[in-house]
Amino acid sequence: MTQHAPQDTTQSTLSGNLQLDLGGFALNSGDFSIPLQGVTVLFGRSGSGKSTLLRAISGLDKRTRGHLTVDEHVWQNENKALPTQHRDIGFVFQDAALFPHLTVRQNLEYGIKRLPKTSRPADFDELVQRVGIADLLDREVTFLSGGERQRVAIARALLTRPKLLCMDEPLSALDWRAKAELLALIEQVIEQYQLPVLYITHAPAEVERLADRVVFMKAGQIERMETLQQALARPDSPLFDEQGAVSVLLGQPKEQADGLQKVQVGEQSLWVSQQLVVNKPEVRVRILARDVSIGLADPENLSIINHLQVEIRELIPQDEHRMLVRLRLADGQHLFAEITQNSAKRLNLQAGLPVFALIKTVAMTE
């Protein structure tokens, strides 16, 4: 489950065009303009240049060329490159990048000492409590689990009161339980601190849960930037993996009953698996296309309780005699269903036809 941060009327924009030649690999981003609001995910296959772009943006590689600005503030051009410590960026690396010979407290204090004299750190005691490491402060980092190390790395980044948080695959080295716990923490951090985030991952599930927008990268270049809903609305989305097409519906949590959570989606509602007490104004509901069937009328006496009124927007033939059907809800959101081509022909499905989406399995993304 996730909550969208309140809109910031003073939204900034990160704009530029960066080049970085690493010998065997070259970044040539092309022109980009990224709103510094919410979560922007850099997505692409391994070797596409995601980490290289993030390092170039943050000033961690001095070989970077090109131009980069935040509104009217120049971070990089042909004449200057603002040092990393003056870009107000917090960084969380894949391997946490902690000093092994220091305790947790000493690692955190080291980050504070590197702040410019004009900057004031965040409240130490409040932050370590919020991130869940208050009882680890005197422990050597070599005795921490992977999830604990990443919590320390997040706390270290937040202590510097950054204006931008960069996270480079912070979950990739963790087991499934630690991933789930840390993902929930990252959501809380984003919500509580209202920080814009640049987040790298190659895991579609993380994108679906966190992203407000997605920057797709390939061979060192930015191919396109889309909102999450735009990225999931096209049948050839790179976010679709071996599970096939996926939809993410936004809704408002309502009452709970019999182990289920009601989520209002426009004027309609879904009942989803109740996984925790909901106290957020908006949640995301993840639905696999293969879990959606289509009916010409609203059926009765079915164990499937989720029946949404929708309109067919497009029928897209797939391999193995399958048909991907793009559906639109009354509030404009899109939903994919995957059926057989035989079923599509038998029901005489066509664009513009009002139908019912019968959803077999529904769960919130948290």
Protein backbone atom coordinates (compact mmCIF):
# COMPACT_ATOMS: atom_id res chain seq x y z
CA MET A 1 0.00 0.00 0.00
CA THR A 2 1.25 3.47 -0.64
CA GLN A 3 0.22 7.04 -0.15
CA HIS A 4 0.90 9.86 -2.53
CA ALA A 5 2.54 12.89 -0.97
CA PRO A 6 0.58 16.14 -0.97
CA GLN A 7 1.25 18.30 -3.99
CA ASP A 8 4.12 20.77 -3.54
CA THR A 9 3.40 24.10 -5.21
CA THR A 10 7.12 24.97 -5.14
CA GLN A 11 8.12 21.94 -7.20
CA SER A 12 11.61 22.11 -8.68
CA THR A 13 12.88 20.52 -11.87
CA LEU A 14 16.15 18.71 -12.53
CA SER A 15 17.18 19.35 -16.13
CA GLY A 16 20.25 18.49 -18.12
CA ASN A 17 22.14 16.44 -20.67
CA LEU A 18 25.06 14.46 -19.27
CA GLN A 19 27.93 12.47 -20.78
CA LEU A 20 30.33 10.15 -18.99
CA ASP A 21 32.87 7.95 -20.82
CA LEU A 22 33.97 4.98 -18.72
CA GLY A 23 36.02 3.33 -21.44
CA GLY A 24 33.95 0.23 -22.05
CA PHE A 25 30.70 2.09 -21.49
CA ALA A 26 29.49 5.57 -22.35
CA LEU A 27 26.61 7.51 -20.86
CA ASN A 28 24.99 9.96 -23.26
CA SER A 29 21.71 10.72 -21.53
CA GLY A 30 20.13 13.07 -24.03
CA ASP A 31 18.07 16.02 -22.82
CA PHE A 32 15.97 15.32 -19.75
CA SER A 33 13.75 17.23 -17.35
CA ILE A 34 12.66 15.44 -14.17
CA PRO A 35 10.18 16.97 -11.70
CA LEU A 36 11.69 16.87 -8.20
CA GLN A 37 8.53 15.60 -6.60
CA GLY A 38 7.55 12.13 -5.47
CA VAL A 39 9.49 9.09 -6.66
CA THR A 40 11.19 8.92 -10.06
CA VAL A 41 12.43 5.41 -10.85
CA LEU A 42 15.33 4.85 -13.24
CA PHE A 43 14.50 1.52 -14.87
CA GLY A 44 16.32 -0.67 -17.35
CA ARG A 45 18.27 -3.85 -17.73
CA SER A 46 21.63 -4.36 -16.08
CA GLY A 47 24.19 -2.29 -17.96
CA SER A 48 21.68 0.25 -19.28
CA GLY A 49 23.38 3.12 -17.44
CA LYS A 50 21.06 3.70 -14.48
CA SER A 51 23.79 3.85 -11.82
CA THR A 52 26.10 5.79 -14.10
CA LEU A 53 23.44 8.45 -14.63
CA LEU A 54 22.76 8.67 -10.91
CA ARG A 55 26.47 9.10 -10.17
CA ALA A 56 26.70 11.79 -12.85
CA ILE A 57 23.70 13.64 -11.42
CA SER A 58 25.11 13.50 -7.89
CA GLY A 59 28.60 14.61 -8.94
CA LEU A 60 30.28 11.44 -7.69
CA ASP A 61 32.28 11.01 -10.91
CA LYS A 62 34.39 14.03 -11.82
CA ARG A 63 34.74 12.87 -15.42
CA THR A 64 31.10 13.85 -16.05
CA ARG A 65 30.53 16.35 -18.84
CA GLY A 66 27.48 18.25 -20.05
CA HIS A 67 25.06 20.49 -18.20
CA LEU A 68 22.78 20.04 -15.21
CA THR A 69 20.56 22.54 -13.42
CA VAL A 70 17.96 22.58 -10.66
CA ASP A 71 15.71 25.44 -11.69
CA GLU A 72 18.10 28.40 -12.04
CA HIS A 73 20.89 26.79 -9.99
CA VAL A 74 23.72 25.40 -12.10
CA TRP A 75 25.17 22.11 -10.88
CA GLN A 76 27.25 21.36 -13.98
CA ASN A 77 28.26 23.13 -17.16
CA GLU A 78 31.37 23.53 -19.32
CA ASN A 79 32.94 25.86 -16.76
CA LYS A 80 32.09 24.31 -13.38
CA ALA A 81 30.93 21.23 -11.54
CA LEU A 82 29.38 21.78 -8.13
CA PRO A 83 30.93 19.38 -5.57
CA THR A 84 28.67 16.59 -4.36
CA GLN A 85 28.50 17.95 -0.80
CA HIS A 86 27.00 21.21 -2.13
CA ARG A 87 24.24 19.54 -4.13
CA ASP A 88 22.15 18.68 -1.04
CA ILE A 89 21.85 15.03 -2.04
CA GLY A 90 21.47 12.05 0.26
CA PHE A 91 22.72 8.76 -1.21
CA VAL A 92 21.85 5.16 -0.32
CA PHE A 93 23.99 2.62 -2.16
CA GLN A 94 23.24 -1.01 -2.97
CA ASP A 95 25.85 -2.25 -0.48
CA ALA A 96 25.12 0.45 2.16
CA ALA A 97 28.77 1.69 1.89
CA LEU A 98 29.34 1.87 5.64
CA PHE A 99 32.77 2.02 7.30
CA PRO A 100 33.37 -1.48 8.71
CA HIS A 101 35.78 -0.31 11.43
CA LEU A 102 33.23 2.12 12.91
CA THR A 103 30.13 1.57 15.01
CA VAL A 104 26.68 2.53 13.80
CA ARG A 105 26.82 5.76 15.79
CA GLN A 106 30.26 6.63 14.41
CA ASN A 107 29.08 6.00 10.83
CA LEU A 108 26.19 8.38 11.38
CA GLU A 109 28.38 11.01 13.01
CA TYR A 110 30.86 10.80 10.14
CA GLY A 111 28.12 11.87 7.74
CA ILE A 112 27.19 14.79 9.96
CA LYS A 113 30.81 15.99 10.18
CA ARG A 114 30.99 16.29 6.40
CA LEU A 115 28.11 18.76 6.30
CA PRO A 116 28.93 22.33 5.28
CA LYS A 117 29.17 24.62 8.31
CA THR A 118 26.07 26.48 7.21
CA SER A 119 23.96 23.29 7.26
CA ARG A 120 22.16 21.86 10.28
CA PRO A 121 21.64 18.09 10.64
CA ALA A 122 18.31 16.47 11.35
CA ASP A 123 17.34 15.55 14.91
CA PHE A 124 19.56 12.54 15.67
CA ASP A 125 17.46 10.86 18.36
CA GLU A 126 14.18 11.30 16.52
CA LEU A 127 15.60 9.96 13.26
CA VAL A 128 17.24 6.81 14.64
CA GLN A 129 13.97 5.97 16.40
CA ARG A 130 11.97 6.49 13.23
CA VAL A 131 14.31 4.38 11.11
CA GLY A 132 14.41 1.65 13.75
CA ILE A 133 18.10 1.58 14.67
CA ALA A 134 18.10 3.20 18.13
CA ASP A 135 19.15 -0.08 19.76
CA LEU A 136 21.98 -0.63 17.25
CA LEU A 137 23.99 2.55 17.80
CA ASP A 138 26.90 0.95 19.65
CA ARG A 139 27.10 -2.14 17.47
CA GLU A 140 29.87 -2.61 14.92
CA VAL A 141 28.45 -2.60 11.42
CA THR A 142 30.14 -5.92 10.57
CA PHE A 143 27.63 -7.57 12.93
CA LEU A 144 24.57 -6.08 11.26
CA SER A 145 22.23 -7.90 8.92
CA GLY A 146 21.78 -6.62 5.37
CA GLY A 147 18.49 -4.95 6.25
CA GLU A 148 19.97 -3.30 9.33
CA ARG A 149 22.90 -1.98 7.28
CA GLN A 150 20.51 -0.38 4.82
CA ARG A 151 18.53 1.20 7.65
CA VAL A 152 21.76 2.78 8.89
CA ALA A 153 22.53 3.97 5.35
CA ILE A 154 19.07 5.56 5.08
CA ALA A 155 19.48 7.26 8.46
CA ARG A 156 22.92 8.57 7.45
CA ALA A 157 21.47 10.04 4.25
CA LEU A 158 18.53 11.67 6.05
CA LEU A 159 20.67 13.15 8.81
CA THR A 160 22.16 15.56 6.28
CA ARG A 161 18.67 16.98 5.57
CA PRO A 162 19.01 16.50 1.79
CA LYS A 163 16.76 18.14 -0.75
CA LEU A 164 17.02 15.05 -2.98
CA LEU A 165 17.39 11.39 -1.97
CA CYS A 166 19.13 9.02 -4.40
CA MET A 167 18.75 5.27 -3.87
CA ASP A 168 20.70 2.78 -6.01
CA GLU A 169 19.02 -0.65 -5.79
CA PRO A 170 18.79 -0.57 -1.99
CA LEU A 171 16.87 -3.87 -1.84
CA SER A 172 18.76 -6.02 -4.32
CA ALA A 173 21.06 -7.75 -1.81
CA LEU A 174 18.32 -8.57 0.73
CA ASP A 175 16.16 -11.63 1.34
CA TRP A 176 12.41 -11.40 0.78
CA ARG A 177 11.52 -10.61 4.39
CA ALA A 178 14.12 -7.85 4.70
CA LYS A 179 13.02 -6.45 1.34
CA ALA A 180 9.40 -6.22 2.50
CA GLU A 181 10.37 -4.49 5.75
CA LEU A 182 12.74 -2.03 4.08
CA LEU A 183 10.30 -1.24 1.29
CA ALA A 184 7.73 -0.28 3.92
CA LEU A 185 10.34 1.91 5.64
CA ILE A 186 11.22 3.63 2.36
CA GLU A 187 7.55 4.43 1.82
CA GLN A 188 7.32 5.89 5.31
CA VAL A 189 10.44 7.99 4.78
CA ILE A 190 9.09 9.39 1.51
CA GLU A 191 5.76 10.21 3.13
CA GLN A 192 7.13 11.70 6.37
CA TYR A 193 10.00 13.74 4.94
CA GLN A 194 8.30 14.74 1.67
CA LEU A 195 11.56 14.18 -0.18
CA PRO A 196 11.87 13.84 -3.94
CA VAL A 197 13.57 10.52 -4.68
CA LEU A 198 15.59 9.15 -7.60
CA TYR A 199 15.34 5.39 -7.22
CA ILE A 200 17.12 2.70 -9.24
CA THR A 201 15.71 -0.79 -9.58
CA HIS A 202 15.32 -3.56 -12.13
CA ALA A 203 12.39 -5.10 -10.20
CA PRO A 204 8.97 -4.18 -11.68
CA ALA A 205 7.20 -4.84 -8.36
CA GLU A 206 9.23 -2.05 -6.72
CA VAL A 207 8.36 0.30 -9.57
CA GLU A 208 4.66 -0.50 -9.29
CA ARG A 209 4.69 0.11 -5.56
CA LEU A 210 6.84 3.26 -5.34
CA ALA A 211 7.00 5.13 -8.63
CA ASP A 212 5.17 8.29 -9.59
CA ARG A 213 7.07 8.34 -12.87
CA VAL A 214 9.53 6.05 -14.66
CA VAL A 215 12.64 6.95 -16.66
CA PHE A 216 13.40 4.10 -19.06
CA MET A 217 17.06 3.66 -19.98
CA LYS A 218 18.87 1.61 -22.61
CA ALA A 219 22.52 1.57 -23.72
CA GLY A 220 23.43 4.69 -21.75
CA GLN A 221 20.53 6.78 -23.02
CA ILE A 222 17.18 7.88 -21.67
CA GLU A 223 14.55 6.41 -23.97
CA ARG A 224 11.49 8.04 -22.44
CA MET A 225 9.90 9.24 -19.22
CA GLU A 226 6.31 8.33 -18.35
CA THR A 227 4.01 8.43 -15.36
CA LEU A 228 3.48 5.03 -13.78
CA GLN A 229 -0.04 4.85 -15.22
CA GLN A 230 1.25 5.66 -18.71
CA ALA A 231 3.99 3.04 -18.41
CA LEU A 232 1.49 0.37 -17.39
CA ALA A 233 -1.13 1.33 -19.99
CA ARG A 234 0.89 0.17 -23.01
CA PRO A 235 0.93 -3.55 -23.86
CA ASP A 236 4.66 -3.57 -24.62
CA SER A 237 5.65 -2.04 -21.29
CA PRO A 238 9.16 -3.02 -20.12
CA LEU A 239 7.64 -3.31 -16.66
CA PHE A 240 5.83 -6.50 -17.64
CA ASP A 241 7.90 -9.55 -16.70
CA GLU A 242 7.26 -13.30 -16.70
CA GLN A 243 3.94 -12.70 -14.92
CA GLY A 244 2.63 -10.82 -17.95
CA ALA A 245 0.70 -7.57 -18.08
CA VAL A 246 -0.04 -5.82 -14.78
CA SER A 247 -2.38 -3.01 -13.80
CA VAL A 248 -2.16 -0.74 -10.76
CA LEU A 249 -5.40 0.95 -9.71
CA LEU A 250 -5.46 3.88 -7.31
CA GLY A 251 -8.21 3.93 -4.72
CA GLN A 252 -9.28 5.06 -1.27
CA PRO A 253 -9.46 2.53 1.58
CA LYS A 254 -12.83 2.18 3.28
CA GLU A 255 -14.25 -0.30 5.78
CA GLN A 256 -12.99 -3.81 6.54
CA ALA A 257 -15.12 -6.92 6.84
CA ASP A 258 -14.52 -10.68 7.10
CA GLY A 259 -10.79 -10.35 6.55
CA LEU A 260 -11.18 -8.13 3.49
CA GLN A 261 -10.47 -4.45 2.86
CA LYS A 262 -12.81 -2.34 0.76
CA VAL A 263 -11.11 0.06 -1.66
CA GLN A 264 -13.11 2.73 -3.46
CA VAL A 265 -12.08 3.08 -7.12
CA GLY A 266 -14.00 5.96 -8.62
CA GLU A 267 -17.70 5.20 -8.04
CA GLN A 268 -17.01 1.47 -7.76
CA SER A 269 -15.30 -0.65 -5.14
CA LEU A 270 -12.94 -3.61 -4.81
CA TRP A 271 -12.52 -6.03 -1.94
CA VAL A 272 -8.90 -6.93 -1.40
CA SER A 273 -6.95 -9.14 0.96
CA GLN A 274 -6.71 -7.38 4.31
CA GLN A 275 -3.01 -7.24 5.12
CA LEU A 276 -2.84 -4.38 7.59
CA VAL A 277 -4.87 -1.60 9.12
CA VAL A 278 -5.19 1.14 6.53
CA ASN A 279 -4.79 4.74 7.65
CA LYS A 280 -3.89 6.38 4.37
CA PRO A 281 -5.95 8.43 1.94
CA GLU A 282 -4.83 6.50 -1.15
CA VAL A 283 -3.59 2.99 -1.87
CA ARG A 284 -2.38 1.07 -4.90
CA VAL A 285 -4.01 -2.18 -5.97
CA ARG A 286 -1.93 -4.49 -8.17
CA ILE A 287 -3.82 -6.79 -10.56
CA LEU A 288 -2.37 -9.34 -12.98
CA ALA A 289 -4.08 -9.40 -16.37
CA ARG A 290 -4.28 -13.19 -16.20
CA ASP A 291 -6.47 -12.82 -13.08
CA VAL A 292 -9.10 -10.79 -14.94
CA SER A 293 -11.96 -12.34 -16.92
CA ILE A 294 -14.65 -10.59 -18.97
CA GLY A 295 -18.44 -10.92 -18.81
CA LEU A 296 -21.04 -9.35 -21.09
CA ALA A 297 -23.40 -9.07 -18.11
CA ASP A 298 -22.90 -8.83 -14.37
CA PRO A 299 -23.04 -12.47 -13.24
CA GLU A 300 -24.67 -13.65 -10.03
CA ASN A 301 -23.85 -16.45 -7.62
CA LEU A 302 -20.09 -16.44 -8.23
CA SER A 303 -17.28 -16.81 -5.73
CA ILE A 304 -15.54 -13.94 -7.55
CA ILE A 305 -16.80 -10.87 -5.68
CA ASN A 306 -15.04 -8.13 -7.67
CA HIS A 307 -17.07 -7.09 -10.72
CA LEU A 308 -16.11 -3.74 -12.27
CA GLN A 309 -18.06 -1.99 -15.00
CA VAL A 310 -15.59 -1.12 -17.76
CA GLU A 311 -15.37 -0.33 -21.44
CA ILE A 312 -13.17 -2.17 -23.94
CA ARG A 313 -10.60 0.19 -25.42
CA GLU A 314 -8.39 -2.17 -27.41
CA LEU A 315 -7.89 -5.86 -28.22
CA ILE A 316 -4.27 -6.90 -28.72
CA PRO A 317 -3.54 -10.43 -30.04
CA GLN A 318 -0.76 -12.27 -28.18
CA ASP A 319 1.20 -15.48 -28.65
CA GLU A 320 -0.31 -18.89 -27.90
CA HIS A 321 -3.81 -17.84 -28.97
CA ARG A 322 -4.14 -15.32 -26.13
CA MET A 323 -5.77 -11.91 -26.29
CA LEU A 324 -4.82 -8.90 -24.16
CA VAL A 325 -7.79 -6.61 -23.63
CA ARG A 326 -7.31 -3.03 -22.49
CA LEU A 327 -10.24 -1.87 -20.39
CA ARG A 328 -11.10 1.60 -19.09
CA LEU A 329 -12.93 2.38 -15.87
CA ALA A 330 -15.35 5.29 -15.62
CA ASP A 331 -12.75 7.36 -13.74
CA GLY A 332 -10.26 6.98 -16.62
CA GLN A 333 -8.01 4.35 -15.08
CA HIS A 334 -6.92 1.40 -17.23
CA LEU A 335 -7.11 -2.31 -16.52
CA PHE A 336 -5.76 -5.22 -18.58
CA ALA A 337 -7.47 -8.60 -18.94
CA GLU A 338 -5.91 -11.64 -20.58
CA ILE A 339 -8.29 -14.13 -22.19
CA THR A 340 -8.16 -16.61 -25.09
CA GLN A 341 -8.69 -15.43 -28.64
CA ASN A 342 -11.46 -18.01 -28.83
CA SER A 343 -13.28 -16.31 -25.95
CA ALA A 344 -12.87 -12.90 -27.55
CA LYS A 345 -14.36 -14.22 -30.79
CA ARG A 346 -17.16 -16.15 -29.06
CA LEU A 347 -18.22 -13.07 -27.07
CA ASN A 348 -17.80 -10.82 -30.12
CA LEU A 349 -15.66 -8.42 -28.12
CA GLN A 350 -14.78 -5.12 -29.76
CA ALA A 351 -13.58 -1.64 -28.85
CA GLY A 352 -16.28 0.53 -27.30
CA LEU A 353 -18.26 -2.40 -25.86
CA PRO A 354 -19.33 -2.02 -22.19
CA VAL A 355 -18.50 -5.19 -20.23
CA PHE A 356 -17.75 -6.39 -16.72
CA ALA A 357 -14.23 -7.16 -15.50
CA LEU A 358 -14.29 -10.15 -13.15
CA ILE A 359 -11.20 -10.03 -10.98
CA LYS A 360 -10.16 -13.31 -9.39
CA THR A 361 -7.33 -12.24 -7.12
CA VAL A 362 -6.74 -8.76 -5.80
CA ALA A 363 -4.17 -7.55 -3.28
CA MET A 364 -2.83 -4.18 -2.25
CA THR A 365 0.83 -3.58 -3.06
CA GLU A 366 1.64 -3.61 0.64
